[in-house]
Amino acid sequence: MSRNEEPSSQKAGYHPVDVDGIERRGRRMAMSRRLFFFGDGEFEGEATVLDISTNGCRATSLTEIKVGLSLKLSLFLQDQQWPLRIDEAAVRWVEGRTFGLEFIGIRPAQRERLRAIVMKSKA
């Protein structure tokens, strides 16, 4: 490997350990779904979820996102009439337009919906 080459584990979008040193838990399911996010004041935007687990997701957006932001999410999933709502998600890392979210506050019924979707992808 040349000096300028990144190891395959560090190529764009691969983050086995979040910036704060917490190792990821759970399986991630690849997807491309619309996500709306809402922060403090009038901060809001739209993103595309690239992958998701029961604990978080990776997304990309044209809106500038900063590490440490706390967001409310509405995620539009395939075959679901209503969006999945997450009351609080924390931005854990940002790389260009791509960022990682950890789901901090999610109601039990919403977490169960998410778990069922991720488990279904394993089948």
N, C-alpha and C. Protein backbone atom coordinates (compact mmCIF):
# COMPACT_ATOMS: atom_id res chain seq x y z
N MET A 1 0.85 -1.17 0.00
CA MET A 1 0.00 0.00 0.00
C MET A 1 0.89 1.23 0.00
N SER A 2 0.60 2.18 -0.89
CA SER A 2 1.41 3.38 -0.96
C SER A 2 1.07 4.31 0.21
N ARG A 3 1.91 5.29 0.42
CA ARG A 3 1.70 6.22 1.53
C ARG A 3 0.39 6.97 1.44
N ASN A 4 -0.05 7.28 0.21
CA ASN A 4 -1.26 8.07 0.03
C ASN A 4 -2.53 7.24 0.02
N GLU A 5 -2.40 5.92 0.03
CA GLU A 5 -3.59 5.05 0.02
C GLU A 5 -4.13 4.88 1.42
N GLU A 6 -5.45 4.89 1.51
CA GLU A 6 -6.08 4.63 2.80
C GLU A 6 -6.32 3.14 2.93
N PRO A 7 -6.21 2.58 4.12
CA PRO A 7 -6.61 1.19 4.30
C PRO A 7 -8.09 1.07 3.95
N SER A 8 -8.52 -0.09 3.48
CA SER A 8 -9.92 -0.25 3.05
C SER A 8 -10.89 0.08 4.16
N SER A 9 -10.52 -0.13 5.41
CA SER A 9 -11.42 0.15 6.52
C SER A 9 -11.60 1.65 6.76
N GLN A 10 -10.79 2.50 6.10
CA GLN A 10 -10.92 3.94 6.32
C GLN A 10 -11.41 4.66 5.08
N LYS A 11 -11.86 3.95 4.08
CA LYS A 11 -12.38 4.60 2.88
C LYS A 11 -13.66 5.33 3.22
N ALA A 12 -14.06 6.23 2.36
CA ALA A 12 -15.21 7.09 2.59
C ALA A 12 -16.43 6.31 3.07
N GLY A 13 -17.00 6.81 4.15
CA GLY A 13 -18.25 6.25 4.63
C GLY A 13 -18.13 5.10 5.60
N TYR A 14 -16.94 4.56 5.82
CA TYR A 14 -16.80 3.43 6.73
C TYR A 14 -16.31 3.95 8.07
N HIS A 15 -17.12 3.80 9.09
CA HIS A 15 -16.77 4.30 10.42
C HIS A 15 -17.08 3.22 11.45
N PRO A 16 -16.18 2.23 11.65
CA PRO A 16 -16.48 1.19 12.62
C PRO A 16 -16.50 1.72 14.04
N VAL A 17 -15.80 2.80 14.29
CA VAL A 17 -15.79 3.42 15.61
C VAL A 17 -16.13 4.88 15.41
N ASP A 18 -17.12 5.36 16.14
CA ASP A 18 -17.51 6.75 16.03
C ASP A 18 -16.37 7.64 16.49
N VAL A 19 -16.45 8.92 16.13
CA VAL A 19 -15.41 9.88 16.46
C VAL A 19 -15.14 9.93 17.97
N ASP A 20 -16.18 9.76 18.79
CA ASP A 20 -15.99 9.83 20.23
C ASP A 20 -15.47 8.52 20.82
N GLY A 21 -15.12 7.54 19.95
CA GLY A 21 -14.50 6.31 20.42
C GLY A 21 -15.47 5.20 20.76
N ILE A 22 -16.77 5.41 20.58
CA ILE A 22 -17.74 4.37 20.89
C ILE A 22 -17.86 3.45 19.69
N GLU A 23 -17.65 2.16 19.92
CA GLU A 23 -17.76 1.21 18.83
C GLU A 23 -19.22 0.99 18.47
N ARG A 24 -19.48 0.83 17.18
CA ARG A 24 -20.84 0.60 16.71
C ARG A 24 -21.38 -0.71 17.22
N ARG A 25 -22.70 -0.72 17.43
CA ARG A 25 -23.38 -1.94 17.84
C ARG A 25 -24.46 -2.22 16.80
N GLY A 26 -24.66 -3.48 16.52
CA GLY A 26 -25.78 -3.85 15.66
C GLY A 26 -25.47 -3.82 14.18
N ARG A 27 -26.31 -4.51 13.46
CA ARG A 27 -26.19 -4.63 12.02
C ARG A 27 -26.76 -3.39 11.35
N ARG A 28 -26.13 -2.97 10.27
CA ARG A 28 -26.62 -1.84 9.48
C ARG A 28 -27.23 -2.34 8.19
N MET A 29 -28.38 -1.77 7.86
CA MET A 29 -29.09 -2.13 6.65
C MET A 29 -28.96 -0.98 5.65
N ALA A 30 -28.44 -1.28 4.45
CA ALA A 30 -28.31 -0.26 3.41
C ALA A 30 -29.69 0.15 2.91
N MET A 31 -29.85 1.43 2.63
CA MET A 31 -31.12 1.93 2.10
C MET A 31 -30.89 3.30 1.47
N SER A 32 -31.90 3.79 0.83
CA SER A 32 -31.91 5.15 0.30
C SER A 32 -33.32 5.70 0.53
N ARG A 33 -33.48 6.37 1.65
CA ARG A 33 -34.80 6.87 2.07
C ARG A 33 -34.72 8.32 2.50
N ARG A 34 -35.81 9.06 2.34
CA ARG A 34 -35.87 10.47 2.72
C ARG A 34 -35.95 10.62 4.23
N LEU A 35 -35.23 11.61 4.72
CA LEU A 35 -35.19 11.94 6.14
C LEU A 35 -35.36 13.44 6.27
N PHE A 36 -36.28 13.84 7.13
CA PHE A 36 -36.41 15.26 7.47
C PHE A 36 -35.90 15.42 8.89
N PHE A 37 -35.12 16.49 9.13
CA PHE A 37 -34.60 16.72 10.47
C PHE A 37 -34.91 18.14 10.91
N PHE A 38 -35.03 18.27 12.23
CA PHE A 38 -35.41 19.55 12.84
C PHE A 38 -34.53 19.76 14.06
N GLY A 39 -33.91 20.95 14.14
CA GLY A 39 -33.06 21.28 15.28
C GLY A 39 -33.62 22.46 16.04
N ASP A 40 -32.76 23.09 16.82
CA ASP A 40 -33.17 24.26 17.59
C ASP A 40 -33.55 25.42 16.67
N GLY A 41 -34.47 26.22 17.13
CA GLY A 41 -34.90 27.38 16.36
C GLY A 41 -35.54 26.97 15.05
N GLU A 42 -35.08 27.57 13.98
CA GLU A 42 -35.64 27.30 12.66
C GLU A 42 -34.78 26.35 11.86
N PHE A 43 -33.80 25.71 12.50
CA PHE A 43 -32.90 24.81 11.78
C PHE A 43 -33.65 23.55 11.36
N GLU A 44 -33.67 23.30 10.06
CA GLU A 44 -34.29 22.09 9.55
C GLU A 44 -33.70 21.78 8.18
N GLY A 45 -33.92 20.56 7.73
CA GLY A 45 -33.40 20.17 6.44
C GLY A 45 -33.87 18.79 6.03
N GLU A 46 -33.38 18.38 4.87
CA GLU A 46 -33.72 17.08 4.32
C GLU A 46 -32.42 16.34 4.02
N ALA A 47 -32.46 15.04 4.20
CA ALA A 47 -31.29 14.20 3.94
C ALA A 47 -31.75 12.90 3.30
N THR A 48 -30.78 12.11 2.88
CA THR A 48 -31.03 10.76 2.40
C THR A 48 -30.30 9.80 3.33
N VAL A 49 -31.03 8.86 3.91
CA VAL A 49 -30.42 7.85 4.77
C VAL A 49 -29.74 6.82 3.88
N LEU A 50 -28.46 6.53 4.17
CA LEU A 50 -27.68 5.58 3.39
C LEU A 50 -27.67 4.19 4.02
N ASP A 51 -27.67 4.16 5.34
CA ASP A 51 -27.81 2.90 6.07
C ASP A 51 -28.35 3.18 7.46
N ILE A 52 -28.90 2.14 8.08
CA ILE A 52 -29.57 2.33 9.36
C ILE A 52 -29.40 1.08 10.22
N SER A 53 -29.39 1.28 11.52
CA SER A 53 -29.42 0.18 12.50
C SER A 53 -30.44 0.60 13.56
N THR A 54 -30.63 -0.24 14.55
CA THR A 54 -31.56 0.13 15.61
C THR A 54 -31.01 1.26 16.48
N ASN A 55 -29.71 1.54 16.38
CA ASN A 55 -29.09 2.56 17.23
C ASN A 55 -28.73 3.85 16.52
N GLY A 56 -28.80 3.85 15.17
CA GLY A 56 -28.40 5.06 14.47
C GLY A 56 -28.44 4.87 12.97
N CYS A 57 -27.95 5.90 12.26
CA CYS A 57 -27.92 5.82 10.80
C CYS A 57 -26.81 6.69 10.25
N ARG A 58 -26.54 6.47 8.96
CA ARG A 58 -25.60 7.30 8.19
C ARG A 58 -26.43 7.96 7.11
N ALA A 59 -26.25 9.27 6.94
CA ALA A 59 -27.06 10.02 5.98
C ALA A 59 -26.20 11.05 5.26
N THR A 60 -26.76 11.61 4.20
CA THR A 60 -26.09 12.67 3.46
C THR A 60 -27.10 13.79 3.20
N SER A 61 -26.61 15.03 3.23
CA SER A 61 -27.50 16.18 3.07
C SER A 61 -26.75 17.36 2.46
N LEU A 62 -27.47 18.22 1.77
CA LEU A 62 -26.90 19.46 1.26
C LEU A 62 -26.85 20.52 2.36
N THR A 63 -27.62 20.32 3.43
CA THR A 63 -27.62 21.23 4.58
C THR A 63 -26.37 20.96 5.41
N GLU A 64 -25.69 22.01 5.84
CA GLU A 64 -24.48 21.84 6.65
C GLU A 64 -24.85 21.32 8.05
N ILE A 65 -24.24 20.21 8.42
CA ILE A 65 -24.48 19.55 9.70
C ILE A 65 -23.19 19.62 10.52
N LYS A 66 -23.33 19.82 11.82
CA LYS A 66 -22.15 19.89 12.70
C LYS A 66 -22.22 18.83 13.79
N VAL A 67 -21.07 18.30 14.15
CA VAL A 67 -20.97 17.32 15.23
C VAL A 67 -21.54 17.94 16.50
N GLY A 68 -22.33 17.16 17.23
CA GLY A 68 -22.90 17.62 18.49
C GLY A 68 -24.33 18.13 18.38
N LEU A 69 -24.80 18.38 17.16
CA LEU A 69 -26.19 18.83 17.01
C LEU A 69 -27.16 17.79 17.54
N SER A 70 -28.25 18.24 18.10
CA SER A 70 -29.33 17.38 18.54
C SER A 70 -30.51 17.64 17.61
N LEU A 71 -31.03 16.57 16.99
CA LEU A 71 -32.07 16.71 15.98
C LEU A 71 -33.27 15.83 16.27
N LYS A 72 -34.43 16.24 15.80
CA LYS A 72 -35.62 15.39 15.74
C LYS A 72 -35.71 14.90 14.31
N LEU A 73 -36.11 13.64 14.12
CA LEU A 73 -36.12 13.04 12.79
C LEU A 73 -37.48 12.50 12.41
N SER A 74 -37.78 12.59 11.11
CA SER A 74 -38.92 11.90 10.50
C SER A 74 -38.35 11.15 9.30
N LEU A 75 -38.38 9.83 9.38
CA LEU A 75 -37.78 8.98 8.35
C LEU A 75 -38.88 8.25 7.59
N PHE A 76 -38.87 8.41 6.29
CA PHE A 76 -39.89 7.79 5.43
C PHE A 76 -39.36 6.46 4.92
N LEU A 77 -39.93 5.37 5.43
CA LEU A 77 -39.48 4.02 5.11
C LEU A 77 -40.39 3.37 4.07
N GLN A 78 -39.81 2.46 3.32
CA GLN A 78 -40.56 1.72 2.31
C GLN A 78 -41.68 0.92 2.97
N ASP A 79 -42.82 0.87 2.32
CA ASP A 79 -43.97 0.09 2.78
C ASP A 79 -44.52 0.56 4.13
N GLN A 80 -44.24 1.79 4.52
CA GLN A 80 -44.75 2.32 5.78
C GLN A 80 -45.59 3.56 5.47
N GLN A 81 -46.81 3.60 5.97
CA GLN A 81 -47.70 4.73 5.70
C GLN A 81 -47.24 6.00 6.42
N TRP A 82 -46.76 5.83 7.66
CA TRP A 82 -46.36 6.99 8.47
C TRP A 82 -44.85 6.99 8.66
N PRO A 83 -44.26 8.18 8.75
CA PRO A 83 -42.81 8.22 8.96
C PRO A 83 -42.43 7.70 10.35
N LEU A 84 -41.25 7.14 10.43
CA LEU A 84 -40.67 6.74 11.72
C LEU A 84 -40.21 8.03 12.39
N ARG A 85 -40.60 8.23 13.63
CA ARG A 85 -40.24 9.46 14.36
C ARG A 85 -39.22 9.14 15.43
N ILE A 86 -38.18 9.95 15.45
CA ILE A 86 -37.14 9.82 16.47
C ILE A 86 -37.08 11.16 17.18
N ASP A 87 -37.34 11.13 18.48
CA ASP A 87 -37.44 12.37 19.26
C ASP A 87 -36.11 13.08 19.44
N GLU A 88 -35.02 12.30 19.51
CA GLU A 88 -33.70 12.92 19.65
C GLU A 88 -32.63 12.04 19.04
N ALA A 89 -31.84 12.65 18.16
CA ALA A 89 -30.69 12.00 17.54
C ALA A 89 -29.51 12.95 17.63
N ALA A 90 -28.35 12.42 17.98
CA ALA A 90 -27.15 13.24 18.11
C ALA A 90 -26.23 13.00 16.92
N VAL A 91 -25.70 14.08 16.35
CA VAL A 91 -24.73 13.98 15.26
C VAL A 91 -23.39 13.59 15.88
N ARG A 92 -22.87 12.41 15.52
CA ARG A 92 -21.63 11.90 16.11
C ARG A 92 -20.40 12.14 15.26
N TRP A 93 -20.55 12.21 13.94
CA TRP A 93 -19.42 12.50 13.06
C TRP A 93 -19.94 13.12 11.76
N VAL A 94 -19.07 13.89 11.12
CA VAL A 94 -19.38 14.51 9.84
C VAL A 94 -18.17 14.35 8.95
N GLU A 95 -18.40 13.94 7.71
CA GLU A 95 -17.33 13.80 6.72
C GLU A 95 -17.87 14.33 5.41
N GLY A 96 -17.53 15.57 5.08
CA GLY A 96 -18.10 16.21 3.89
C GLY A 96 -19.59 16.43 4.09
N ARG A 97 -20.39 15.87 3.20
CA ARG A 97 -21.85 16.00 3.29
C ARG A 97 -22.49 14.80 3.99
N THR A 98 -21.68 13.82 4.37
CA THR A 98 -22.18 12.61 5.03
C THR A 98 -21.98 12.73 6.54
N PHE A 99 -22.92 12.20 7.30
CA PHE A 99 -22.84 12.31 8.75
C PHE A 99 -23.48 11.09 9.41
N GLY A 100 -23.09 10.86 10.66
CA GLY A 100 -23.63 9.75 11.44
C GLY A 100 -24.48 10.25 12.59
N LEU A 101 -25.63 9.61 12.78
CA LEU A 101 -26.55 9.96 13.86
C LEU A 101 -26.69 8.80 14.82
N GLU A 102 -26.72 9.09 16.11
CA GLU A 102 -27.04 8.10 17.12
C GLU A 102 -28.43 8.42 17.64
N PHE A 103 -29.29 7.41 17.67
CA PHE A 103 -30.65 7.61 18.16
C PHE A 103 -30.63 7.59 19.69
N ILE A 104 -30.88 8.74 20.30
CA ILE A 104 -30.83 8.90 21.75
C ILE A 104 -32.21 8.71 22.36
N GLY A 105 -33.21 9.38 21.78
CA GLY A 105 -34.57 9.34 22.30
C GLY A 105 -35.53 8.82 21.25
N ILE A 106 -36.03 7.61 21.48
CA ILE A 106 -36.98 7.02 20.54
C ILE A 106 -38.04 6.27 21.36
N ARG A 107 -39.28 6.52 21.07
CA ARG A 107 -40.38 5.88 21.81
C ARG A 107 -40.39 4.38 21.55
N PRO A 108 -40.82 3.59 22.53
CA PRO A 108 -40.79 2.12 22.39
C PRO A 108 -41.48 1.60 21.13
N ALA A 109 -42.64 2.15 20.77
CA ALA A 109 -43.34 1.67 19.57
C ALA A 109 -42.54 1.97 18.31
N GLN A 110 -41.87 3.12 18.28
CA GLN A 110 -41.05 3.49 17.13
C GLN A 110 -39.79 2.62 17.06
N ARG A 111 -39.19 2.34 18.22
CA ARG A 111 -38.00 1.48 18.24
C ARG A 111 -38.37 0.08 17.75
N GLU A 112 -39.55 -0.40 18.13
CA GLU A 112 -39.99 -1.72 17.69
C GLU A 112 -40.20 -1.75 16.17
N ARG A 113 -40.78 -0.70 15.62
CA ARG A 113 -40.92 -0.60 14.16
C ARG A 113 -39.57 -0.68 13.49
N LEU A 114 -38.61 0.07 14.00
CA LEU A 114 -37.26 0.09 13.44
C LEU A 114 -36.60 -1.28 13.58
N ARG A 115 -36.71 -1.89 14.75
CA ARG A 115 -36.11 -3.20 14.96
C ARG A 115 -36.68 -4.22 13.98
N ALA A 116 -38.00 -4.18 13.77
CA ALA A 116 -38.65 -5.12 12.85
C ALA A 116 -38.14 -4.94 11.42
N ILE A 117 -37.92 -3.70 11.02
CA ILE A 117 -37.41 -3.42 9.66
C ILE A 117 -35.99 -3.95 9.49
N VAL A 118 -35.14 -3.69 10.49
CA VAL A 118 -33.75 -4.15 10.42
C VAL A 118 -33.69 -5.67 10.46
N MET A 119 -34.50 -6.29 11.32
CA MET A 119 -34.51 -7.76 11.43
C MET A 119 -35.01 -8.39 10.12
N LYS A 120 -35.99 -7.75 9.50
CA LYS A 120 -36.53 -8.26 8.23
C LYS A 120 -35.45 -8.29 7.16
N SER A 121 -34.53 -7.34 7.21
CA SER A 121 -33.46 -7.27 6.19
C SER A 121 -32.49 -8.43 6.34
N LYS A 122 -32.43 -9.04 7.53
CA LYS A 122 -31.51 -10.17 7.75
C LYS A 122 -32.04 -11.45 7.11
N ALA A 123 -33.35 -11.51 6.91
CA ALA A 123 -33.99 -12.73 6.39
C ALA A 123 -33.62 -12.99 4.94
